[in-house]
């Protein structure tokens, strides 16, 4: 057997193991050393972008709105900073960090009840700690559905509202979950005359709801939310793979043609996978299920092996190895229909027809069963460790952005293989919202995941290309960052991109004038303080700054601050030799030639 055949056989065996493991649940992101005192909190990935430790004096777990009110009142009276924490803490930035080490974490983990379902009005009221999975399943029991949601069902309702999370559509009221709210209750600090707590119940007609429904957690604690639902329906899903040469021309029209469309883009392989996804009659035959493969449980030993392989590829500058691995991963995902099955267990062909609650989201790695498998990003095992850069570019600019990325790939064909190991660039359709910090216009959301080193001073392969794409989006095309999935650089000057940003600050000043629910991080992001960029040695490698001098990169490892290749205003960490010329990422393989053969 050839060397290539042996590699593919080994990878295939690993992939089969991935499909056979059982489940477990990652730990609570809050850890306290003495009861509920002396606590730390992290995100689901175990490390914030600046790698700091977020500490708090204590953590509390209210179960009712009355308990929540008493907690906020007591903390306000005592002058404590507060932050809301969710069950699995999926916000990558430091939105959950209270100011100071004596702050209070208010977990919504036990505010997890469905309070009411009105089938006649087609509404559902839930506490903010209810997970998306629970909302979906409880709604389906009543023959109702929330039409557009994120694909990961481990998010809590309060968490996904706080960060403006969304599904994918250009149809109807749009893709953002917060645009389906009809009522919302929020508990905020009050004056002594209020008993140090203020409870506000808002309806769609209340102007302040536009601030509260995407609040970054700085206005108080959302206690309950009512959503407008629809009758349960079915969808028909087909994945269609095409060359990406016409992607820029087709992307907008494709989103307008199909209600639940999205696109997975593999730029190095010059390939785009179009999700043709539409409603069909409820009496259409089919009981399909979506169980997205990367969201399934994975054994800790396999995760460790996968990380070791990628670490070696990175440390050896083995771009060809990463590209080979990426091609195999994308092939297997396509063969397995990305986790779609026609009957809950087998994939027999497209289209896959299934009820909305069975195909809209997944995340079985969160199921609690014997401890032999976990989510791929679980920080308690030596598994995958990565960054995410997620941003929305307005529809009129999308074609030009795509072409800029394609031009970068022409210059460095192997540069984005690392992102394709993480299933490429997910492109979702998002719609303009009336939320003050929501989407400002119809756009496409680009979600990019890529390797992160355990050492913050170690560059990744093609550090410069990923940085240039990020800066292209944020600074050339004025992209809006996803509030829950980005590095510091994406939030530079962000509030100026929102036409009602100052209106949001006015509501913030009304709800929490003393900033009990604010922190240095949120003040930096909202432009209330300077210093969002953390300028220090190697800061550009982690997206903490945009490099202005070589020390912000890794000159000892041959990475220097230079202009971008396509976007000359970009400042990126580029690998150079002693003569100042570009270095190939691997000396022993002619990557470009080998890739052209493989892709042909």
Protein backbone atom coordinates (compact mmCIF):
# COMPACT_ATOMS: atom_id res chain seq x y z
CA UNK A 1 0.00 0.00 0.00
CA UNK A 2 1.29 3.48 -0.84
CA UNK A 3 2.22 5.96 1.89
CA UNK A 4 -0.82 8.05 0.93
CA UNK A 5 -3.08 5.00 1.13
CA UNK A 6 -1.74 4.11 4.57
CA UNK A 7 -2.42 7.64 5.83
CA UNK A 8 -5.98 7.54 4.53
CA UNK A 9 -6.58 4.10 6.07
CA UNK A 10 -5.36 5.33 9.47
CA UNK A 11 -7.52 8.44 9.26
CA UNK A 12 -10.53 6.36 8.24
CA UNK A 13 -10.07 4.12 11.30
CA UNK A 14 -9.89 7.20 13.52
CA UNK A 15 -13.05 8.57 12.02
CA UNK A 16 -14.93 5.34 12.61
CA UNK A 17 -13.85 5.45 16.24
CA UNK A 18 -15.26 8.97 16.46
CA UNK A 19 -18.68 7.65 15.45
CA UNK A 20 -18.71 4.84 18.02
CA UNK A 21 -17.96 6.61 21.29
CA UNK A 22 -20.43 7.30 24.11
CA UNK A 23 -21.29 10.60 25.74
CA UNK A 24 -20.48 12.74 28.75
CA UNK A 25 -21.02 16.32 29.84
CA UNK A 26 -18.26 18.98 30.13
CA UNK A 27 -17.80 20.59 33.53
CA UNK A 28 -19.60 23.68 34.77
CA UNK A 29 -17.60 26.75 33.63
CA UNK A 30 -17.78 28.10 37.20
CA UNK A 31 -15.35 26.63 39.72
CA UNK A 32 -15.34 27.64 43.39
CA UNK A 33 -12.86 26.53 46.06
CA UNK A 34 -15.01 27.05 49.16
CA UNK A 35 -18.67 26.24 48.66
CA UNK A 36 -19.89 28.98 46.33
CA UNK A 37 -17.06 31.37 47.24
CA UNK A 38 -13.67 32.26 45.76
CA UNK A 39 -14.65 31.37 42.19
CA UNK A 40 -13.27 31.47 38.68
CA UNK A 41 -15.17 31.31 35.40
CA UNK A 42 -14.05 30.49 31.91
CA UNK A 43 -15.65 29.91 28.53
CA UNK A 44 -16.50 26.52 27.03
CA UNK A 45 -13.02 26.37 25.48
CA UNK A 46 -11.24 26.90 28.79
CA UNK A 47 -9.32 30.04 27.77
CA UNK A 48 -10.31 33.60 26.93
CA UNK A 49 -8.66 35.39 23.98
CA UNK A 50 -6.23 37.22 26.28
CA UNK A 51 -5.67 34.06 28.37
CA UNK A 52 -6.55 35.89 31.57
CA UNK A 53 -8.24 34.25 34.58
CA UNK A 54 -11.64 35.68 35.49
CA UNK A 55 -12.23 35.61 39.23
CA UNK A 56 -15.28 36.34 41.36
CA UNK A 57 -15.98 36.45 45.05
CA UNK A 58 -18.92 34.08 44.76
CA UNK A 59 -21.54 32.37 42.62
CA UNK A 60 -25.29 32.01 43.15
CA UNK A 61 -27.86 29.77 41.46
CA UNK A 62 -31.38 31.23 41.68
CA UNK A 63 -34.32 29.00 40.76
CA UNK A 64 -37.12 31.60 40.65
CA UNK A 65 -37.55 35.22 39.70
CA UNK A 66 -38.15 36.08 43.36
CA UNK A 67 -34.79 34.58 44.33
CA UNK A 68 -33.17 36.43 41.44
CA UNK A 69 -34.66 39.75 42.58
CA UNK A 70 -33.38 39.23 46.12
CA UNK A 71 -29.88 38.41 44.83
CA UNK A 72 -29.67 41.51 42.60
CA UNK A 73 -31.02 43.72 45.40
CA UNK A 74 -28.50 42.41 47.94
CA UNK A 75 -25.57 42.75 45.54
CA UNK A 76 -26.62 46.26 44.53
CA UNK A 77 -26.97 47.32 48.15
CA UNK A 78 -23.48 45.91 48.82
CA UNK A 79 -21.95 47.59 45.76
CA UNK A 80 -20.92 44.31 44.10
CA UNK A 81 -20.23 43.92 40.42
CA UNK A 82 -22.37 41.20 38.83
CA UNK A 83 -22.30 39.05 35.69
CA UNK A 84 -24.69 36.47 34.32
CA UNK A 85 -23.22 33.02 33.69
CA UNK A 86 -24.85 30.31 31.59
CA UNK A 87 -24.75 26.54 31.77
CA UNK A 88 -22.03 25.96 29.20
CA UNK A 89 -20.56 29.48 28.70
CA UNK A 90 -20.19 29.55 24.93
CA UNK A 91 -19.20 33.19 24.61
CA UNK A 92 -15.55 33.31 23.56
CA UNK A 93 -14.91 36.96 24.63
CA UNK A 94 -14.93 37.99 28.29
CA UNK A 95 -18.61 38.90 28.57
CA UNK A 96 -19.01 36.82 31.75
CA UNK A 97 -16.18 38.39 33.74
CA UNK A 98 -17.35 40.64 36.60
CA UNK A 99 -15.25 43.65 37.52
CA UNK A 100 -12.86 42.91 40.35
CA UNK A 101 -12.21 39.70 42.24
CA UNK A 102 -15.08 40.26 44.69
CA UNK A 103 -17.76 40.32 41.99
CA UNK A 104 -20.75 37.99 41.89
CA UNK A 105 -21.60 35.38 39.26
CA UNK A 106 -25.34 34.82 38.80
CA UNK A 107 -25.81 31.46 37.08
CA UNK A 108 -29.04 30.81 35.16
CA UNK A 109 -28.41 27.05 35.24
CA UNK A 110 -31.43 26.44 37.52
CA UNK A 111 -33.68 29.03 35.87
CA UNK A 112 -34.48 26.32 33.38
CA UNK A 113 -38.25 25.89 33.30
CA UNK A 114 -40.75 26.19 30.47
CA UNK A 115 -43.38 28.42 32.10
CA UNK A 116 -46.19 28.39 29.58
CA UNK A 117 -47.18 27.25 26.10
CA UNK A 118 -50.22 28.91 24.56
CA UNK A 119 -51.11 26.78 21.54
CA UNK A 120 -53.90 29.13 20.43
CA UNK A 121 -51.65 32.20 20.44
CA UNK A 122 -48.64 30.08 19.36
CA UNK A 123 -46.42 31.54 22.08
CA UNK A 124 -44.03 29.96 24.54
CA UNK A 125 -42.66 31.50 27.75
CA UNK A 126 -39.42 30.17 29.22
CA UNK A 127 -36.91 31.08 31.89
CA UNK A 128 -33.65 32.38 30.52
CA UNK A 129 -31.62 29.32 31.54
CA UNK A 130 -33.66 26.99 29.33
CA UNK A 131 -31.46 25.52 26.59
CA UNK A 132 -32.31 25.82 22.94
CA UNK A 133 -32.64 22.04 22.88
CA UNK A 134 -35.33 22.12 25.58
CA UNK A 135 -37.20 24.93 23.84
CA UNK A 136 -37.18 23.03 20.55
CA UNK A 137 -38.36 19.75 22.05
CA UNK A 138 -41.06 21.28 24.29
CA UNK A 139 -42.40 23.34 21.39
CA UNK A 140 -42.55 20.23 19.20
CA UNK A 141 -44.60 18.43 21.84
CA UNK A 142 -47.18 21.18 21.35
CA UNK A 143 -46.85 20.90 17.53
CA UNK A 144 -45.06 24.27 17.39
CA UNK A 145 -41.64 25.42 16.17
CA UNK A 146 -39.24 28.34 16.36
CA UNK A 147 -38.35 28.81 12.69
CA UNK A 148 -34.72 30.00 12.75
CA UNK A 149 -32.13 29.13 15.38
CA UNK A 150 -28.39 28.52 15.80
CA UNK A 151 -27.29 25.02 14.84
CA UNK A 152 -25.82 24.24 18.29
CA UNK A 153 -28.56 23.44 20.77
CA UNK A 154 -26.43 23.72 23.92
CA UNK A 155 -26.94 27.50 24.10
CA UNK A 156 -29.24 28.93 26.76
CA UNK A 157 -31.96 31.38 25.76
CA UNK A 158 -30.43 34.18 27.81
CA UNK A 159 -26.99 33.53 26.39
CA UNK A 160 -28.03 33.41 22.75
CA UNK A 161 -30.11 36.58 23.16
CA UNK A 162 -27.27 38.41 24.88
CA UNK A 163 -24.94 37.79 21.94
CA UNK A 164 -27.46 38.11 19.09
CA UNK A 165 -27.21 34.47 17.97
CA UNK A 166 -29.04 33.45 14.81
CA UNK A 167 -29.83 30.83 12.23
CA UNK A 168 -29.66 31.27 8.46
CA UNK A 169 -32.31 32.88 6.29
CA UNK A 170 -33.18 36.01 4.32
CA UNK A 171 -36.90 35.22 4.61
CA UNK A 172 -39.72 36.34 6.89
CA UNK A 173 -38.81 38.21 10.07
CA UNK A 174 -35.25 37.07 9.66
CA UNK A 175 -32.65 34.76 11.13
CA UNK A 176 -32.12 36.24 14.62
CA UNK A 177 -33.82 34.51 17.53
CA UNK A 178 -34.34 37.82 19.33
CA UNK A 179 -36.65 39.07 16.58
CA UNK A 180 -39.26 36.48 17.62
CA UNK A 181 -39.63 37.86 21.16
CA UNK A 182 -43.08 39.16 22.10
CA UNK A 183 -42.41 39.75 25.81
CA UNK A 184 -39.36 39.82 28.06
CA UNK A 185 -38.69 40.40 31.77
CA UNK A 186 -35.35 41.75 33.00
CA UNK A 187 -34.11 42.27 36.56
CA UNK A 188 -31.73 45.23 36.99
CA UNK A 189 -30.23 47.24 39.85
CA UNK A 190 -32.51 49.81 41.47
CA UNK A 191 -32.31 52.73 43.87
CA UNK A 192 -32.99 52.58 47.57
CA UNK A 193 -36.54 53.70 46.85
CA UNK A 194 -36.94 50.61 44.60
CA UNK A 195 -35.51 48.26 47.20
CA UNK A 196 -32.27 48.22 45.16
CA UNK A 197 -33.85 46.15 42.37
CA UNK A 198 -35.96 47.04 39.34
CA UNK A 199 -38.04 44.54 37.38
CA UNK A 200 -39.17 45.57 33.91
CA UNK A 201 -41.63 43.63 31.75
CA UNK A 202 -41.35 44.70 28.12
CA UNK A 203 -43.53 44.04 25.08
CA UNK A 204 -42.87 44.37 21.36
CA UNK A 205 -44.29 47.89 21.41
CA UNK A 206 -41.77 49.07 24.03
CA UNK A 207 -38.84 50.93 22.48
CA UNK A 208 -36.47 49.71 25.19
CA UNK A 209 -36.91 46.11 24.05
CA UNK A 210 -34.70 47.03 21.09
CA UNK A 211 -31.84 47.47 23.55
CA UNK A 212 -32.63 44.61 25.92
CA UNK A 213 -33.01 41.80 23.38
CA UNK A 214 -29.29 42.06 22.43
CA UNK A 215 -27.72 43.46 25.58
CA UNK A 216 -24.28 41.80 26.04
CA UNK A 217 -25.44 41.19 29.61
CA UNK A 218 -24.81 44.80 30.68
CA UNK A 219 -28.44 45.75 31.44
CA UNK A 220 -29.26 43.14 34.09
CA UNK A 221 -30.47 39.54 34.20
CA UNK A 222 -33.13 38.36 31.77
CA UNK A 223 -35.48 36.20 33.83
CA UNK A 224 -38.08 35.08 31.28
CA UNK A 225 -38.83 35.41 27.59
CA UNK A 226 -41.92 34.81 25.45
CA UNK A 227 -41.46 33.81 21.81
CA UNK A 228 -43.87 33.82 18.90
CA UNK A 229 -43.80 30.36 17.31
CA UNK A 230 -45.22 28.75 14.19
CA UNK A 231 -47.04 25.47 13.51
CA UNK A 232 -44.56 22.60 13.35
CA UNK A 233 -43.42 22.00 9.76
CA UNK A 234 -41.11 19.82 7.70
CA UNK A 235 -38.01 20.64 5.69
CA UNK A 236 -36.30 19.09 2.69
CA UNK A 237 -32.48 19.23 2.74
CA UNK A 238 -29.98 18.46 -0.01
CA UNK A 239 -26.25 19.26 -0.01
CA UNK A 240 -24.90 20.10 -3.46
CA UNK A 241 -21.15 20.49 -4.10
CA UNK A 242 -19.87 22.86 -6.79
CA UNK A 243 -16.68 24.57 -7.84
CA UNK A 244 -16.35 27.94 -6.10
CA UNK A 245 -15.46 29.91 -9.24
CA UNK A 246 -18.96 31.47 -9.37
CA UNK A 247 -19.52 31.67 -5.63
CA UNK A 248 -19.40 35.46 -5.53
CA UNK A 249 -21.98 35.75 -8.29
CA UNK A 250 -24.34 33.10 -6.92
CA UNK A 251 -24.23 33.64 -3.18
CA UNK A 252 -26.93 36.31 -2.80
CA UNK A 253 -29.44 34.80 -5.22
CA UNK A 254 -29.01 31.38 -3.61
CA UNK A 255 -30.02 32.77 -0.23
CA UNK A 256 -33.11 34.38 -1.68
CA UNK A 257 -34.15 31.16 -3.42
CA UNK A 258 -34.01 28.80 -0.41
CA UNK A 259 -35.48 29.58 3.01
CA UNK A 260 -32.88 27.82 5.18
CA UNK A 261 -29.91 28.05 2.82
CA UNK A 262 -26.30 28.11 3.91
CA UNK A 263 -22.96 27.40 2.25
CA UNK A 264 -19.83 25.61 3.47
CA UNK A 265 -16.85 27.06 1.63
CA UNK A 266 -13.52 25.27 1.18
CA UNK A 267 -11.36 27.92 -0.54
CA UNK A 268 -8.20 25.82 -0.88
CA UNK A 269 -10.14 23.00 -2.55
CA UNK A 270 -12.01 25.57 -4.65
CA UNK A 271 -15.23 23.98 -3.55
CA UNK A 272 -18.53 25.22 -2.10
CA UNK A 273 -21.23 23.03 -0.60
CA UNK A 274 -24.69 24.56 -1.05
CA UNK A 275 -27.41 23.59 1.43
CA UNK A 276 -30.66 23.50 -0.54
CA UNK A 277 -33.11 23.63 2.34
CA UNK A 278 -36.81 24.50 2.12
CA UNK A 279 -40.17 23.86 3.77
CA UNK A 280 -42.32 21.11 2.38
CA UNK A 281 -45.85 19.98 3.10
CA UNK A 282 -46.27 18.50 6.58
CA UNK A 283 -47.68 15.30 5.06
CA UNK A 284 -44.52 14.71 3.00
CA UNK A 285 -43.04 11.32 3.86
CA UNK A 286 -39.81 11.36 5.86
CA UNK A 287 -38.47 11.27 9.41
CA UNK A 288 -34.98 12.67 8.87
CA UNK A 289 -32.60 13.67 11.64
CA UNK A 290 -29.68 16.11 11.78
CA UNK A 291 -26.89 15.04 14.14
CA UNK A 292 -23.95 17.16 13.00
CA UNK A 293 -20.79 15.07 13.21
CA UNK A 294 -18.48 17.65 14.86
CA UNK A 295 -21.14 18.13 17.59
CA UNK A 296 -21.20 14.43 18.46
CA UNK A 297 -19.28 13.01 21.45
CA UNK A 298 -15.67 12.05 20.87
CA UNK A 299 -13.40 9.90 23.01
CA UNK A 300 -10.75 11.83 24.93
CA UNK A 301 -7.99 9.56 23.60
CA UNK A 302 -9.02 10.26 20.01
CA UNK A 303 -9.19 13.99 20.70
CA UNK A 304 -5.68 13.84 22.12
CA UNK A 305 -4.41 12.02 19.05
CA UNK A 306 -6.07 14.50 16.69
CA UNK A 307 -4.50 17.39 18.59
CA UNK A 308 -1.08 15.73 18.54
CA UNK A 309 -1.25 15.24 14.78
CA UNK A 310 -2.20 18.85 14.17
CA UNK A 311 0.41 20.11 16.64
CA UNK A 312 3.12 18.19 14.79
CA UNK A 313 1.94 19.53 11.44
CA UNK A 314 2.08 23.06 12.83
CA UNK A 315 5.47 22.67 14.52
CA UNK A 316 7.00 21.11 11.38
CA UNK A 317 5.38 23.72 9.08
CA UNK A 318 3.77 20.77 7.31
CA UNK A 319 1.24 22.56 5.12
CA UNK A 320 0.95 19.57 2.80
CA UNK A 321 0.04 17.29 5.70
CA UNK A 322 -2.69 19.68 6.83
CA UNK A 323 -4.06 19.90 3.29
CA UNK A 324 -4.13 16.12 2.96
CA UNK A 325 -5.92 15.79 6.28
CA UNK A 326 -8.39 18.51 5.32
CA UNK A 327 -9.27 16.83 2.03
CA UNK A 328 -9.92 13.59 3.84
CA UNK A 329 -12.10 15.26 6.50
CA UNK A 330 -14.21 17.08 3.91
CA UNK A 331 -14.59 13.89 1.89
CA UNK A 332 -15.82 11.92 4.91
CA UNK A 333 -18.22 14.66 6.04
CA UNK A 334 -19.74 14.74 2.57
CA UNK A 335 -19.99 10.93 2.45
CA UNK A 336 -21.75 10.98 5.82
CA UNK A 337 -24.09 13.78 4.68
CA UNK A 338 -22.70 16.03 7.46
CA UNK A 339 -24.71 14.05 10.00
CA UNK A 340 -28.05 13.88 8.20
CA UNK A 341 -29.93 10.59 8.17
CA UNK A 342 -33.20 9.72 6.47
CA UNK A 343 -34.67 7.80 9.38
CA UNK A 344 -32.58 8.72 12.42
CA UNK A 345 -29.94 6.06 11.84
CA UNK A 346 -29.07 5.68 8.13
CA UNK A 347 -28.41 8.03 5.25
CA UNK A 348 -29.86 6.58 2.07
CA UNK A 349 -29.81 9.62 -0.17
CA UNK A 350 -31.01 13.17 -0.76
CA UNK A 351 -33.32 14.85 -0.14
CA UNK A 352 -33.58 14.27 3.60
CA UNK A 353 -37.11 15.10 4.77
CA UNK A 354 -37.64 15.76 8.46
CA UNK A 355 -39.65 17.76 10.97
CA UNK A 356 -38.23 21.10 12.01
CA UNK A 357 -37.39 20.00 15.56
CA UNK A 358 -35.33 17.07 14.24
CA UNK A 359 -33.26 18.95 11.67
CA UNK A 360 -32.77 22.51 12.93
CA UNK A 361 -30.03 21.96 15.56
CA UNK A 362 -27.98 19.28 17.30
CA UNK A 363 -25.34 18.68 19.95
CA UNK A 364 -25.45 15.16 21.37
CA UNK A 365 -22.00 15.60 22.92
CA UNK A 366 -23.80 17.34 25.80
CA UNK A 367 -25.81 14.24 26.72
CA UNK A 368 -24.94 12.83 30.12
CA UNK A 369 -23.86 9.17 29.85
CA UNK A 370 -20.71 7.24 30.89
CA UNK A 371 -17.54 9.33 30.87
CA UNK A 372 -15.85 8.00 27.75
CA UNK A 373 -16.60 10.80 25.32
CA UNK A 374 -17.09 14.54 25.30
CA UNK A 375 -17.44 17.63 23.13
CA UNK A 376 -14.42 18.13 20.89
CA UNK A 377 -13.59 21.47 22.54
CA UNK A 378 -13.83 20.25 26.15
CA UNK A 379 -10.91 21.94 27.98
CA UNK A 380 -10.71 19.07 30.48
CA UNK A 381 -9.13 16.80 27.88
CA UNK A 382 -6.11 17.46 25.70
CA UNK A 383 -8.26 17.91 22.63
CA UNK A 384 -8.93 20.51 19.98
CA UNK A 385 -7.98 24.07 20.87
CA UNK A 386 -8.92 26.78 18.42
CA UNK A 387 -9.87 30.36 17.70
CA UNK A 388 -13.03 31.53 15.94
CA UNK A 389 -13.48 34.66 13.89
CA UNK A 390 -17.10 35.30 12.93
CA UNK A 391 -18.40 38.41 11.19
CA UNK A 392 -21.23 39.63 8.96
CA UNK A 393 -20.61 41.43 5.67
CA UNK A 394 -23.44 43.34 4.00
CA UNK A 395 -24.81 41.63 0.88
CA UNK A 396 -23.60 44.31 -1.59
CA UNK A 397 -19.98 43.77 -0.45
CA UNK A 398 -19.97 39.98 -0.20
CA UNK A 399 -18.85 39.29 -3.77
CA UNK A 400 -15.81 41.55 -3.45
CA UNK A 401 -14.84 40.02 -0.11
CA UNK A 402 -15.09 36.49 -1.54
CA UNK A 403 -12.93 37.50 -4.51
CA UNK A 404 -10.32 39.00 -2.18
CA UNK A 405 -10.11 35.72 -0.28
CA UNK A 406 -9.89 33.79 -3.55
CA UNK A 407 -7.01 36.05 -4.64
CA UNK A 408 -5.21 35.29 -1.39
CA UNK A 409 -5.65 31.57 -2.06
CA UNK A 410 -4.18 32.01 -5.54
CA UNK A 411 -1.09 33.52 -3.94
CA UNK A 412 -0.85 30.83 -1.23
CA UNK A 413 -2.96 27.84 -2.34
CA UNK A 414 -2.37 25.84 0.84
CA UNK A 415 -2.92 28.70 3.30
CA UNK A 416 -6.47 27.85 4.36
CA UNK A 417 -6.14 24.09 4.68
CA UNK A 418 -6.08 24.58 8.44
CA UNK A 419 -9.58 26.10 8.37
CA UNK A 420 -10.82 23.24 6.20
CA UNK A 421 -9.78 20.78 8.91
CA UNK A 422 -12.51 22.54 10.93
CA UNK A 423 -15.07 22.18 8.13
CA UNK A 424 -14.14 25.27 6.17
CA UNK A 425 -15.90 28.62 6.26
CA UNK A 426 -19.57 28.41 7.19
CA UNK A 427 -21.63 31.08 5.43
CA UNK A 428 -25.06 31.82 6.91
CA UNK A 429 -27.62 34.39 5.81
CA UNK A 430 -28.61 37.04 8.35
CA UNK A 431 -31.20 39.80 8.15
CA UNK A 432 -31.48 43.36 9.37
CA UNK A 433 -32.92 43.67 12.87
CA UNK A 434 -34.44 46.54 14.84
CA UNK A 435 -32.31 45.56 17.86
CA UNK A 436 -29.92 48.39 18.62
CA UNK A 437 -26.96 45.96 18.66
CA UNK A 438 -28.44 43.56 16.09
CA UNK A 439 -27.61 43.18 12.41
CA UNK A 440 -27.78 46.52 10.66
CA UNK A 441 -28.60 45.20 7.18
CA UNK A 442 -29.04 41.95 5.31
CA UNK A 443 -25.69 40.22 5.27
CA UNK A 444 -23.75 36.98 5.16
CA UNK A 445 -22.15 35.71 8.34
CA UNK A 446 -18.73 34.10 7.81
CA UNK A 447 -17.70 31.68 10.55
CA UNK A 448 -14.01 30.66 10.50
CA UNK A 449 -12.40 28.22 12.95
CA UNK A 450 -8.64 27.58 13.08
CA UNK A 451 -5.82 26.11 15.17
CA UNK A 452 -4.66 27.86 18.31
CA UNK A 453 -1.34 27.15 19.99
CA UNK A 454 -1.09 26.42 23.69
CA UNK A 455 1.79 28.92 23.67
CA UNK A 456 0.48 32.46 22.96
CA UNK A 457 3.85 33.44 21.45
CA UNK A 458 3.85 30.66 18.85
CA UNK A 459 2.46 31.62 15.41
CA UNK A 460 0.18 29.29 13.48
CA UNK A 461 0.77 28.17 9.90
CA UNK A 462 -0.08 31.04 7.55
CA UNK A 463 -0.67 33.41 10.42
CA UNK A 464 -0.62 36.30 7.95
CA UNK A 465 -3.37 34.97 5.67
CA UNK A 466 -5.85 34.45 8.50
CA UNK A 467 -5.03 37.87 9.94
CA UNK A 468 -5.48 39.50 6.54
CA UNK A 469 -8.90 37.88 6.06
CA UNK A 470 -9.94 39.13 9.49
CA UNK A 471 -8.75 42.67 8.72
CA UNK A 472 -10.27 42.61 5.24
CA UNK A 473 -13.63 41.91 6.80
CA UNK A 474 -13.47 44.27 9.75
CA UNK A 475 -11.67 47.28 8.26
CA UNK A 476 -12.08 47.18 4.46
CA UNK A 477 -15.68 45.94 4.38
CA UNK A 478 -16.92 47.25 7.75
CA UNK A 479 -18.08 43.85 8.95
CA UNK A 480 -20.04 43.47 12.17
CA UNK A 481 -18.47 41.03 14.64
CA UNK A 482 -20.48 38.23 16.19
CA UNK A 483 -20.71 39.35 19.83
CA UNK A 484 -19.94 35.87 21.13
CA UNK A 485 -17.28 34.56 18.73
CA UNK A 486 -14.27 36.80 18.11
CA UNK A 487 -10.90 38.07 19.23
CA UNK A 488 -10.20 41.59 20.55
CA UNK A 489 -9.24 43.07 17.19
CA UNK A 490 -12.72 42.45 15.78
CA UNK A 491 -14.28 44.82 18.34
CA UNK A 492 -12.10 47.87 17.59
CA UNK A 493 -14.42 50.88 17.17
CA UNK A 494 -17.37 48.52 16.91
CA UNK A 495 -20.08 50.73 18.42
CA UNK A 496 -19.68 53.28 15.62
CA UNK A 497 -20.90 50.61 13.19
CA UNK A 498 -24.35 50.60 14.84
CA UNK A 499 -26.63 53.49 13.90
CA UNK A 500 -28.41 53.22 17.26
CA UNK A 501 -25.34 52.50 19.35
CA UNK A 502 -25.79 55.70 21.36
CA UNK A 503 -29.45 54.81 21.97
CA UNK A 504 -28.25 51.56 23.49
CA UNK A 505 -25.95 53.47 25.83
CA UNK A 506 -28.86 55.68 26.91
CA UNK A 507 -30.86 52.61 27.91
CA UNK A 508 -27.80 51.22 29.68
CA UNK A 509 -27.50 54.44 31.67
CA UNK A 510 -31.17 54.14 32.66
CA UNK A 511 -31.09 50.45 33.61
CA UNK A 512 -27.70 50.35 35.33
CA UNK A 513 -26.29 53.88 35.75
CA UNK A 514 -23.60 52.78 38.20
CA UNK A 515 -22.41 49.92 35.97
CA UNK A 516 -22.99 47.00 38.33
CA UNK A 517 -23.34 44.68 35.32
CA UNK A 518 -20.44 46.25 33.41
CA UNK A 519 -16.75 45.39 33.43
CA UNK A 520 -13.57 46.82 31.95
CA UNK A 521 -14.06 44.47 28.99
CA UNK A 522 -17.59 45.60 28.16
CA UNK A 523 -16.64 49.25 28.74
CA UNK A 524 -13.79 48.86 26.24
CA UNK A 525 -16.06 47.17 23.68
CA UNK A 526 -18.78 49.82 24.04
CA UNK A 527 -16.24 52.63 23.68
CA UNK A 528 -16.65 53.86 27.25
CA UNK A 529 -12.96 53.26 27.96
CA UNK A 530 -9.84 53.12 25.82
CA UNK A 531 -7.55 50.13 25.79
CA UNK A 532 -9.37 47.33 23.97
CA UNK A 533 -6.15 46.46 22.14
CA UNK A 534 -3.61 44.87 24.44
CA UNK A 535 -0.26 45.99 23.01
CA UNK A 536 2.60 43.77 24.10
CA UNK A 537 5.09 41.25 22.75
CA UNK A 538 3.34 38.82 20.40
CA UNK A 539 -0.06 40.50 20.79
CA UNK A 540 -0.98 40.19 17.10
CA UNK A 541 -0.66 36.39 17.19
CA UNK A 542 -3.75 36.10 19.40
CA UNK A 543 -5.69 38.98 17.84
CA UNK A 544 -5.13 41.22 20.87
CA UNK A 545 -3.75 43.96 18.61
CA UNK A 546 -3.04 44.77 15.00
CA UNK A 547 0.74 44.71 14.65
CA UNK A 548 2.59 47.97 14.13
CA UNK A 549 6.08 46.63 14.85
CA UNK A 550 7.86 43.30 14.56
CA UNK A 551 7.78 42.65 18.31
CA UNK A 552 3.99 42.31 18.06
CA UNK A 553 4.59 39.18 15.98
CA UNK A 554 7.32 36.60 16.61
CA UNK A 555 10.62 37.78 15.11
CA UNK A 556 12.53 35.04 16.96
CA UNK A 557 10.46 32.55 14.94
CA UNK A 558 10.87 34.51 11.66
CA UNK A 559 7.45 36.22 11.77
CA UNK A 560 7.53 39.98 11.13
CA UNK A 561 4.91 42.71 10.82
CA UNK A 562 4.26 43.45 7.16
CA UNK A 563 1.45 44.79 4.91
CA UNK A 564 -1.16 42.40 3.58
CA UNK A 565 -0.82 40.75 0.19
CA UNK A 566 -4.24 41.74 -1.19
CA UNK A 567 -5.30 44.40 1.31
CA UNK A 568 -2.26 46.65 1.62
CA UNK A 569 -3.70 48.49 4.65
CA UNK A 570 -3.64 45.26 6.64
CA UNK A 571 -0.77 44.71 9.05
CA UNK A 572 -0.07 41.03 9.52
CA UNK A 573 2.55 38.65 10.92
CA UNK A 574 4.37 37.24 7.89
CA UNK A 575 7.03 34.51 7.86
CA UNK A 576 10.26 35.73 6.24
CA UNK A 577 13.79 34.39 5.82
CA UNK A 578 16.95 36.23 6.85
CA UNK A 579 16.94 38.11 3.51
CA UNK A 580 13.44 39.41 4.13
CA UNK A 581 11.85 37.12 1.54
CA UNK A 582 8.77 34.95 2.00
CA UNK A 583 9.46 31.47 3.31
CA UNK A 584 7.61 28.42 2.15
CA UNK A 585 5.81 26.85 5.09
CA UNK A 586 7.44 23.49 4.36
CA UNK A 587 10.86 22.99 2.85
CA UNK A 588 10.69 19.27 2.03
CA UNK A 589 7.51 19.29 -0.09
CA UNK A 590 6.50 21.32 -3.12
CA UNK A 591 3.09 22.02 -1.63
CA UNK A 592 1.63 24.05 -4.47
CA UNK A 593 2.50 21.42 -7.07
CA UNK A 594 1.24 18.52 -4.94
CA UNK A 595 -2.00 20.32 -4.16
CA UNK A 596 -2.66 21.10 -7.79
CA UNK A 597 -2.32 17.37 -8.56
CA UNK A 598 -4.60 16.37 -5.67
CA UNK A 599 -7.25 18.96 -6.53
CA UNK A 600 -7.21 17.95 -10.19
